[in-house]
Amino acid sequence: GEILEVLEIAGNDLILTRTDPDGRRRSWSCNTHWVRVTDYDHGGPVPHYITLNGNGRQVEIGAFLSEDERPELYRDLRRRLAETRG
């Protein structure tokens, strides 16, 4: 089984949908203005543990990525969110 994550920016909403190996789907969304992206380079369950924060929740993103790929994801997410905020 594989983990599938789809991150979508639709208007002012950021939507993360995760499908687990067992087929279970979970979704989280937040207004792009309020989303915070955090890179726990140390102290997380894995190096460069990436989370999205907003709407009173914190969700992991990119769990299936390698240690080298997660910082790249973090930079890309921050850049894209900055673009949506103008």
PDB file of N, CA and C in Angstrom:
ATOM      1  N   GLY A   1       0.816  -1.185   0.000  1.00  0.00           N
ATOM      2  CA  GLY A   1       0.000   0.000   0.000  1.00  0.00           C
ATOM      3  C   GLY A   1       0.855   1.243   0.000  1.00  0.00           C
ATOM      4  N   GLU A   2       0.282   2.294  -0.466  1.00  0.00           N
ATOM      5  CA  GLU A   2       0.953   3.584  -0.547  1.00  0.00           C
ATOM      6  C   GLU A   2       0.143   4.638   0.162  1.00  0.00           C
ATOM      7  N   ILE A   3       0.822   5.692   0.565  1.00  0.00           N
ATOM      8  CA  ILE A   3       0.164   6.887   1.080  1.00  0.00           C
ATOM      9  C   ILE A   3       0.079   7.868  -0.078  1.00  0.00           C
ATOM     10  N   LEU A   4      -1.081   8.457  -0.268  1.00  0.00           N
ATOM     11  CA  LEU A   4      -1.266   9.466  -1.308  1.00  0.00           C
ATOM     12  C   LEU A   4      -1.731  10.752  -0.645  1.00  0.00           C
ATOM     13  N   GLU A   5      -1.005  11.833  -0.876  1.00  0.00           N
ATOM     14  CA  GLU A   5      -1.405  13.140  -0.377  1.00  0.00           C
ATOM     15  C   GLU A   5      -1.636  14.058  -1.569  1.00  0.00           C
ATOM     16  N   VAL A   6      -2.755  14.766  -1.530  1.00  0.00           N
ATOM     17  CA  VAL A   6      -3.070  15.753  -2.553  1.00  0.00           C
ATOM     18  C   VAL A   6      -3.257  17.081  -1.842  1.00  0.00           C
ATOM     19  N   LEU A   7      -2.446  18.066  -2.212  1.00  0.00           N
ATOM     20  CA  LEU A   7      -2.537  19.399  -1.648  1.00  0.00           C
ATOM     21  C   LEU A   7      -3.050  20.320  -2.735  1.00  0.00           C
ATOM     22  N   GLU A   8      -4.121  21.020  -2.429  1.00  0.00           N
ATOM     23  CA  GLU A   8      -4.785  21.862  -3.422  1.00  0.00           C
ATOM     24  C   GLU A   8      -5.008  23.245  -2.840  1.00  0.00           C
ATOM     25  N   ILE A   9      -4.759  24.258  -3.651  1.00  0.00           N
ATOM     26  CA  ILE A   9      -5.124  25.622  -3.283  1.00  0.00           C
ATOM     27  C   ILE A   9      -6.259  26.017  -4.209  1.00  0.00           C
ATOM     28  N   ALA A  10      -7.416  26.243  -3.600  1.00  0.00           N
ATOM     29  CA  ALA A  10      -8.623  26.586  -4.354  1.00  0.00           C
ATOM     30  C   ALA A  10      -9.147  27.908  -3.816  1.00  0.00           C
ATOM     31  N   GLY A  11      -8.887  28.981  -4.565  1.00  0.00           N
ATOM     32  CA  GLY A  11      -9.272  30.300  -4.076  1.00  0.00           C
ATOM     33  C   GLY A  11      -8.482  30.623  -2.826  1.00  0.00           C
ATOM     34  N   ASN A  12      -9.187  30.866  -1.718  1.00  0.00           N
ATOM     35  CA  ASN A  12      -8.536  31.178  -0.443  1.00  0.00           C
ATOM     36  C   ASN A  12      -8.356  29.958   0.444  1.00  0.00           C
ATOM     37  N   ASP A  13      -8.673  28.789  -0.054  1.00  0.00           N
ATOM     38  CA  ASP A  13      -8.603  27.582   0.768  1.00  0.00           C
ATOM     39  C   ASP A  13      -7.446  26.689   0.359  1.00  0.00           C
ATOM     40  N   LEU A  14      -6.756  26.175   1.370  1.00  0.00           N
ATOM     41  CA  LEU A  14      -5.748  25.149   1.169  1.00  0.00           C
ATOM     42  C   LEU A  14      -6.369  23.857   1.685  1.00  0.00           C
ATOM     43  N   ILE A  15      -6.356  22.815   0.867  1.00  0.00           N
ATOM     44  CA  ILE A  15      -7.007  21.549   1.215  1.00  0.00           C
ATOM     45  C   ILE A  15      -5.993  20.422   1.064  1.00  0.00           C
ATOM     46  N   LEU A  16      -5.804  19.668   2.133  1.00  0.00           N
ATOM     47  CA  LEU A  16      -4.924  18.506   2.115  1.00  0.00           C
ATOM     48  C   LEU A  16      -5.786  17.264   2.287  1.00  0.00           C
ATOM     49  N   THR A  17      -5.709  16.357   1.326  1.00  0.00           N
ATOM     50  CA  THR A  17      -6.433  15.096   1.397  1.00  0.00           C
ATOM     51  C   THR A  17      -5.404  13.984   1.404  1.00  0.00           C
ATOM     52  N   ARG A  18      -5.512  13.101   2.382  1.00  0.00           N
ATOM     53  CA  ARG A  18      -4.565  11.996   2.536  1.00  0.00           C
ATOM     54  C   ARG A  18      -5.322  10.688   2.445  1.00  0.00           C
ATOM     55  N   THR A  19      -4.831   9.782   1.597  1.00  0.00           N
ATOM     56  CA  THR A  19      -5.371   8.436   1.496  1.00  0.00           C
ATOM     57  C   THR A  19      -4.314   7.488   2.038  1.00  0.00           C
ATOM     58  N   ASP A  20      -4.666   6.753   3.091  1.00  0.00           N
ATOM     59  CA  ASP A  20      -3.749   5.813   3.740  1.00  0.00           C
ATOM     60  C   ASP A  20      -3.704   4.492   2.974  1.00  0.00           C
ATOM     61  N   PRO A  21      -2.697   3.668   3.253  1.00  0.00           N
ATOM     62  CA  PRO A  21      -2.583   2.381   2.555  1.00  0.00           C
ATOM     63  C   PRO A  21      -3.830   1.502   2.675  1.00  0.00           C
ATOM     64  N   ASP A  22      -4.590   1.648   3.765  1.00  0.00           N
ATOM     65  CA  ASP A  22      -5.811   0.852   3.936  1.00  0.00           C
ATOM     66  C   ASP A  22      -7.023   1.457   3.228  1.00  0.00           C
ATOM     67  N   GLY A  23      -6.816   2.584   2.495  1.00  0.00           N
ATOM     68  CA  GLY A  23      -7.890   3.216   1.743  1.00  0.00           C
ATOM     69  C   GLY A  23      -8.631   4.299   2.505  1.00  0.00           C
ATOM     70  N   ARG A  24      -8.326   4.460   3.773  1.00  0.00           N
ATOM     71  CA  ARG A  24      -9.006   5.491   4.570  1.00  0.00           C
ATOM     72  C   ARG A  24      -8.571   6.871   4.092  1.00  0.00           C
ATOM     73  N   ARG A  25      -9.547   7.771   3.898  1.00  0.00           N
ATOM     74  CA  ARG A  25      -9.263   9.132   3.447  1.00  0.00           C
ATOM     75  C   ARG A  25      -9.544  10.117   4.569  1.00  0.00           C
ATOM     76  N   ARG A  26      -8.634  11.056   4.711  1.00  0.00           N
ATOM     77  CA  ARG A  26      -8.803  12.136   5.678  1.00  0.00           C
ATOM     78  C   ARG A  26      -8.540  13.451   4.969  1.00  0.00           C
ATOM     79  N   SER A  27      -9.242  14.486   5.393  1.00  0.00           N
ATOM     80  CA  SER A  27      -9.100  15.773   4.746  1.00  0.00           C
ATOM     81  C   SER A  27      -8.974  16.870   5.799  1.00  0.00           C
ATOM     82  N   TRP A  28      -8.203  17.885   5.484  1.00  0.00           N
ATOM     83  CA  TRP A  28      -8.014  19.049   6.347  1.00  0.00           C
ATOM     84  C   TRP A  28      -7.983  20.262   5.445  1.00  0.00           C
ATOM     85  N   SER A  29      -8.579  21.358   5.897  1.00  0.00           N
ATOM     86  CA  SER A  29      -8.552  22.577   5.099  1.00  0.00           C
ATOM     87  C   SER A  29      -8.444  23.794   6.007  1.00  0.00           C
ATOM     88  N   CYS A  30      -7.950  24.872   5.420  1.00  0.00           N
ATOM     89  CA  CYS A  30      -7.785  26.112   6.150  1.00  0.00           C
ATOM     90  C   CYS A  30      -7.679  27.250   5.137  1.00  0.00           C
ATOM     91  N   ASN A  31      -8.067  28.428   5.546  1.00  0.00           N
ATOM     92  CA  ASN A  31      -7.873  29.618   4.734  1.00  0.00           C
ATOM     93  C   ASN A  31      -6.371  29.849   4.588  1.00  0.00           C
ATOM     94  N   THR A  32      -5.913  30.098   3.372  1.00  0.00           N
ATOM     95  CA  THR A  32      -4.475  30.245   3.117  1.00  0.00           C
ATOM     96  C   THR A  32      -3.850  31.375   3.938  1.00  0.00           C
ATOM     97  N   HIS A  33      -4.628  32.361   4.286  1.00  0.00           N
ATOM     98  CA  HIS A  33      -4.104  33.482   5.081  1.00  0.00           C
ATOM     99  C   HIS A  33      -3.646  33.025   6.464  1.00  0.00           C
ATOM    100  N   TRP A  34      -4.299  32.002   7.007  1.00  0.00           N
ATOM    101  CA  TRP A  34      -4.025  31.562   8.377  1.00  0.00           C
ATOM    102  C   TRP A  34      -3.108  30.343   8.470  1.00  0.00           C
ATOM    103  N   VAL A  35      -2.794  29.699   7.368  1.00  0.00           N
ATOM    104  CA  VAL A  35      -1.964  28.489   7.400  1.00  0.00           C
ATOM    105  C   VAL A  35      -0.523  28.845   7.762  1.00  0.00           C
ATOM    106  N   ARG A  36       0.044  28.072   8.674  1.00  0.00           N
ATOM    107  CA  ARG A  36       1.465  28.164   8.996  1.00  0.00           C
ATOM    108  C   ARG A  36       2.128  26.844   8.619  1.00  0.00           C
ATOM    109  N   VAL A  37       3.292  26.938   8.003  1.00  0.00           N
ATOM    110  CA  VAL A  37       4.072  25.748   7.658  1.00  0.00           C
ATOM    111  C   VAL A  37       5.267  25.708   8.603  1.00  0.00           C
ATOM    112  N   THR A  38       5.488  24.564   9.226  1.00  0.00           N
ATOM    113  CA  THR A  38       6.578  24.426  10.188  1.00  0.00           C
ATOM    114  C   THR A  38       7.475  23.260   9.791  1.00  0.00           C
ATOM    115  N   ASP A  39       8.774  23.499   9.885  1.00  0.00           N
ATOM    116  CA  ASP A  39       9.780  22.456   9.660  1.00  0.00           C
ATOM    117  C   ASP A  39      10.471  22.200  10.996  1.00  0.00           C
ATOM    118  N   TYR A  40      10.171  21.065  11.605  1.00  0.00           N
ATOM    119  CA  TYR A  40      10.858  20.666  12.833  1.00  0.00           C
ATOM    120  C   TYR A  40      12.129  19.940  12.404  1.00  0.00           C
ATOM    121  N   ASP A  41      13.178  20.716  12.119  1.00  0.00           N
ATOM    122  CA  ASP A  41      14.404  20.096  11.616  1.00  0.00           C
ATOM    123  C   ASP A  41      15.014  19.146  12.633  1.00  0.00           C
ATOM    124  N   HIS A  42      14.806  19.420  13.911  1.00  0.00           N
ATOM    125  CA  HIS A  42      15.217  18.521  14.990  1.00  0.00           C
ATOM    126  C   HIS A  42      14.080  18.482  15.998  1.00  0.00           C
ATOM    127  N   GLY A  43      13.924  17.404  16.682  1.00  0.00           N
ATOM    128  CA  GLY A  43      12.921  17.326  17.738  1.00  0.00           C
ATOM    129  C   GLY A  43      11.594  16.740  17.311  1.00  0.00           C
ATOM    130  N   GLY A  44      11.399  16.509  16.023  1.00  0.00           N
ATOM    131  CA  GLY A  44      10.186  15.848  15.560  1.00  0.00           C
ATOM    132  C   GLY A  44      10.397  14.344  15.535  1.00  0.00           C
ATOM    133  N   PRO A  45       9.387  13.601  15.133  1.00  0.00           N
ATOM    134  CA  PRO A  45       9.532  12.151  15.059  1.00  0.00           C
ATOM    135  C   PRO A  45      10.572  11.701  14.025  1.00  0.00           C
ATOM    136  N   VAL A  46      10.784  12.552  13.009  1.00  0.00           N
ATOM    137  CA  VAL A  46      11.818  12.319  11.989  1.00  0.00           C
ATOM    138  C   VAL A  46      12.484  13.667  11.715  1.00  0.00           C
ATOM    139  N   PRO A  47      13.717  13.672  11.183  1.00  0.00           N
ATOM    140  CA  PRO A  47      14.331  14.951  10.823  1.00  0.00           C
ATOM    141  C   PRO A  47      13.503  15.663   9.754  1.00  0.00           C
ATOM    142  N   HIS A  48      13.351  16.949   9.915  1.00  0.00           N
ATOM    143  CA  HIS A  48      12.579  17.784   8.983  1.00  0.00           C
ATOM    144  C   HIS A  48      11.122  17.314   8.892  1.00  0.00           C
ATOM    145  N   TYR A  49      10.518  17.178  10.045  1.00  0.00           N
ATOM    146  CA  TYR A  49       9.091  16.839  10.164  1.00  0.00           C
ATOM    147  C   TYR A  49       8.308  18.090   9.771  1.00  0.00           C
ATOM    148  N   ILE A  50       7.521  18.001   8.697  1.00  0.00           N
ATOM    149  CA  ILE A  50       6.816  19.159   8.150  1.00  0.00           C
ATOM    150  C   ILE A  50       5.342  19.102   8.549  1.00  0.00           C
ATOM    151  N   THR A  51       4.833  20.231   9.063  1.00  0.00           N
ATOM    152  CA  THR A  51       3.420  20.297   9.431  1.00  0.00           C
ATOM    153  C   THR A  51       2.766  21.543   8.850  1.00  0.00           C
ATOM    154  N   LEU A  52       1.466  21.437   8.668  1.00  0.00           N
ATOM    155  CA  LEU A  52       0.609  22.573   8.348  1.00  0.00           C
ATOM    156  C   LEU A  52      -0.230  22.832   9.593  1.00  0.00           C
ATOM    157  N   ASN A  53      -0.377  24.101   9.943  1.00  0.00           N
ATOM    158  CA  ASN A  53      -1.108  24.482  11.141  1.00  0.00           C
ATOM    159  C   ASN A  53      -2.189  25.488  10.778  1.00  0.00           C
ATOM    160  N   GLY A  54      -3.378  25.288  11.311  1.00  0.00           N
ATOM    161  CA  GLY A  54      -4.475  26.220  11.098  1.00  0.00           C
ATOM    162  C   GLY A  54      -5.797  25.574  11.457  1.00  0.00           C
ATOM    163  N   ASN A  55      -6.807  26.389  11.645  1.00  0.00           N
ATOM    164  CA  ASN A  55      -8.129  25.877  12.024  1.00  0.00           C
ATOM    165  C   ASN A  55      -8.062  25.038  13.298  1.00  0.00           C
ATOM    166  N   GLY A  56      -7.137  25.388  14.190  1.00  0.00           N
ATOM    167  CA  GLY A  56      -7.023  24.684  15.460  1.00  0.00           C
ATOM    168  C   GLY A  56      -6.394  23.306  15.388  1.00  0.00           C
ATOM    169  N   ARG A  57      -5.780  22.990  14.246  1.00  0.00           N
ATOM    170  CA  ARG A  57      -5.167  21.666  14.089  1.00  0.00           C
ATOM    171  C   ARG A  57      -3.766  21.784  13.513  1.00  0.00           C
ATOM    172  N   GLN A  58      -2.996  20.759  13.742  1.00  0.00           N
ATOM    173  CA  GLN A  58      -1.683  20.610  13.124  1.00  0.00           C
ATOM    174  C   GLN A  58      -1.672  19.265  12.422  1.00  0.00           C
ATOM    175  N   VAL A  59      -1.334  19.264  11.126  1.00  0.00           N
ATOM    176  CA  VAL A  59      -1.317  18.023  10.361  1.00  0.00           C
ATOM    177  C   VAL A  59       0.042  17.854   9.694  1.00  0.00           C
ATOM    178  N   GLU A  60       0.495  16.617   9.642  1.00  0.00           N
ATOM    179  CA  GLU A  60       1.761  16.296   8.990  1.00  0.00           C
ATOM    180  C   GLU A  60       1.553  16.238   7.484  1.00  0.00           C
ATOM    181  N   ILE A  61       2.586  16.634   6.759  1.00  0.00           N
ATOM    182  CA  ILE A  61       2.574  16.502   5.306  1.00  0.00           C
ATOM    183  C   ILE A  61       3.937  15.970   4.863  1.00  0.00           C
ATOM    184  N   GLY A  62       3.935  15.108   3.868  1.00  0.00           N
ATOM    185  CA  GLY A  62       5.177  14.596   3.296  1.00  0.00           C
ATOM    186  C   GLY A  62       5.840  13.502   4.102  1.00  0.00           C
ATOM    187  N   ALA A  63       5.072  12.752   4.887  1.00  0.00           N
ATOM    188  CA  ALA A  63       5.654  11.694   5.724  1.00  0.00           C
ATOM    189  C   ALA A  63       6.404  10.652   4.900  1.00  0.00           C
ATOM    190  N   PHE A  64       5.983  10.456   3.676  1.00  0.00           N
ATOM    191  CA  PHE A  64       6.566   9.420   2.823  1.00  0.00           C
ATOM    192  C   PHE A  64       7.827   9.896   2.108  1.00  0.00           C
ATOM    193  N   LEU A  65       8.168  11.189   2.251  1.00  0.00           N
ATOM    194  CA  LEU A  65       9.342  11.732   1.575  1.00  0.00           C
ATOM    195  C   LEU A  65      10.624  11.393   2.337  1.00  0.00           C
ATOM    196  N   SER A  66      11.731  11.450   1.635  1.00  0.00           N
ATOM    197  CA  SER A  66      13.029  11.205   2.278  1.00  0.00           C
ATOM    198  C   SER A  66      13.427  12.429   3.100  1.00  0.00           C
ATOM    199  N   GLU A  67      14.422  12.238   3.943  1.00  0.00           N
ATOM    200  CA  GLU A  67      14.935  13.328   4.777  1.00  0.00           C
ATOM    201  C   GLU A  67      15.424  14.503   3.926  1.00  0.00           C
ATOM    202  N   ASP A  68      15.988  14.219   2.768  1.00  0.00           N
ATOM    203  CA  ASP A  68      16.474  15.275   1.873  1.00  0.00           C
ATOM    204  C   ASP A  68      15.346  15.987   1.135  1.00  0.00           C
ATOM    205  N   GLU A  69      14.235  15.311   0.896  1.00  0.00           N
ATOM    206  CA  GLU A  69      13.128  15.897   0.142  1.00  0.00           C
ATOM    207  C   GLU A  69      12.235  16.795   1.000  1.00  0.00           C
ATOM    208  N   ARG A  70      12.152  16.522   2.300  1.00  0.00           N
ATOM    209  CA  ARG A  70      11.241  17.294   3.155  1.00  0.00           C
ATOM    210  C   ARG A  70      11.595  18.781   3.247  1.00  0.00           C
ATOM    211  N   PRO A  71      12.885  19.183   3.371  1.00  0.00           N
ATOM    212  CA  PRO A  71      13.174  20.625   3.386  1.00  0.00           C
ATOM    213  C   PRO A  71      12.778  21.316   2.082  1.00  0.00           C
ATOM    214  N   GLU A  72      12.897  20.597   0.986  1.00  0.00           N
ATOM    215  CA  GLU A  72      12.486  21.141  -0.312  1.00  0.00           C
ATOM    216  C   GLU A  72      10.976  21.381  -0.333  1.00  0.00           C
ATOM    217  N   LEU A  73      10.218  20.440   0.208  1.00  0.00           N
ATOM    218  CA  LEU A  73       8.772  20.604   0.321  1.00  0.00           C
ATOM    219  C   LEU A  73       8.446  21.823   1.169  1.00  0.00           C
ATOM    220  N   TYR A  74       9.124  21.984   2.295  1.00  0.00           N
ATOM    221  CA  TYR A  74       8.904  23.116   3.196  1.00  0.00           C
ATOM    222  C   TYR A  74       9.101  24.441   2.453  1.00  0.00           C
ATOM    223  N   ARG A  75      10.221  24.569   1.745  1.00  0.00           N
ATOM    224  CA  ARG A  75      10.505  25.808   1.004  1.00  0.00           C
ATOM    225  C   ARG A  75       9.446  26.067  -0.062  1.00  0.00           C
ATOM    226  N   ASP A  76       9.034  25.019  -0.779  1.00  0.00           N
ATOM    227  CA  ASP A  76       8.030  25.166  -1.834  1.00  0.00           C
ATOM    228  C   ASP A  76       6.683  25.590  -1.251  1.00  0.00           C
ATOM    229  N   LEU A  77       6.283  24.985  -0.147  1.00  0.00           N
ATOM    230  CA  LEU A  77       5.015  25.349   0.487  1.00  0.00           C
ATOM    231  C   LEU A  77       5.021  26.809   0.946  1.00  0.00           C
ATOM    232  N   ARG A  78       6.097  27.230   1.578  1.00  0.00           N
ATOM    233  CA  ARG A  78       6.185  28.626   2.045  1.00  0.00           C
ATOM    234  C   ARG A  78       6.116  29.600   0.868  1.00  0.00           C
ATOM    235  N   ARG A  79       6.802  29.267  -0.211  1.00  0.00           N
ATOM    236  CA  ARG A  79       6.797  30.139  -1.388  1.00  0.00           C
ATOM    237  C   ARG A  79       5.399  30.239  -1.988  1.00  0.00           C
ATOM    238  N   ARG A  80       4.750  29.101  -2.136  1.00  0.00           N
ATOM    239  CA  ARG A  80       3.418  29.107  -2.747  1.00  0.00           C
ATOM    240  C   ARG A  80       2.386  29.815  -1.877  1.00  0.00           C
ATOM    241  N   LEU A  81       2.482  29.638  -0.563  1.00  0.00           N
ATOM    242  CA  LEU A  81       1.568  30.352   0.324  1.00  0.00           C
ATOM    243  C   LEU A  81       1.817  31.865   0.262  1.00  0.00           C
ATOM    244  N   ALA A  82       3.068  32.265   0.198  1.00  0.00           N
ATOM    245  CA  ALA A  82       3.385  33.695   0.070  1.00  0.00           C
ATOM    246  C   ALA A  82       2.797  34.272  -1.213  1.00  0.00           C
ATOM    247  N   GLU A  83       2.832  33.488  -2.296  1.00  0.00           N
ATOM    248  CA  GLU A  83       2.261  33.932  -3.569  1.00  0.00           C
ATOM    249  C   GLU A  83       0.753  34.122  -3.454  1.00  0.00           C
ATOM    250  N   THR A  84       0.067  33.237  -2.738  1.00  0.00           N
ATOM    251  CA  THR A  84      -1.398  33.356  -2.623  1.00  0.00           C
ATOM    252  C   THR A  84      -1.798  34.543  -1.760  1.00  0.00           C
ATOM    253  N   ARG A  85      -0.909  34.960  -0.881  1.00  0.00           N
ATOM    254  CA  ARG A  85      -1.208  36.086   0.012  1.00  0.00           C
ATOM    255  C   ARG A  85      -0.874  37.427  -0.617  1.00  0.00           C
ATOM    256  N   GLY A  86      -0.240  37.390  -1.793  1.00  0.00           N
ATOM    257  CA  GLY A  86       0.048  38.609  -2.519  1.00  0.00           C
ATOM    258  C   GLY A  86       1.282  39.241  -2.077  1.00  0.00           C
TER     259      GLY A  86
END
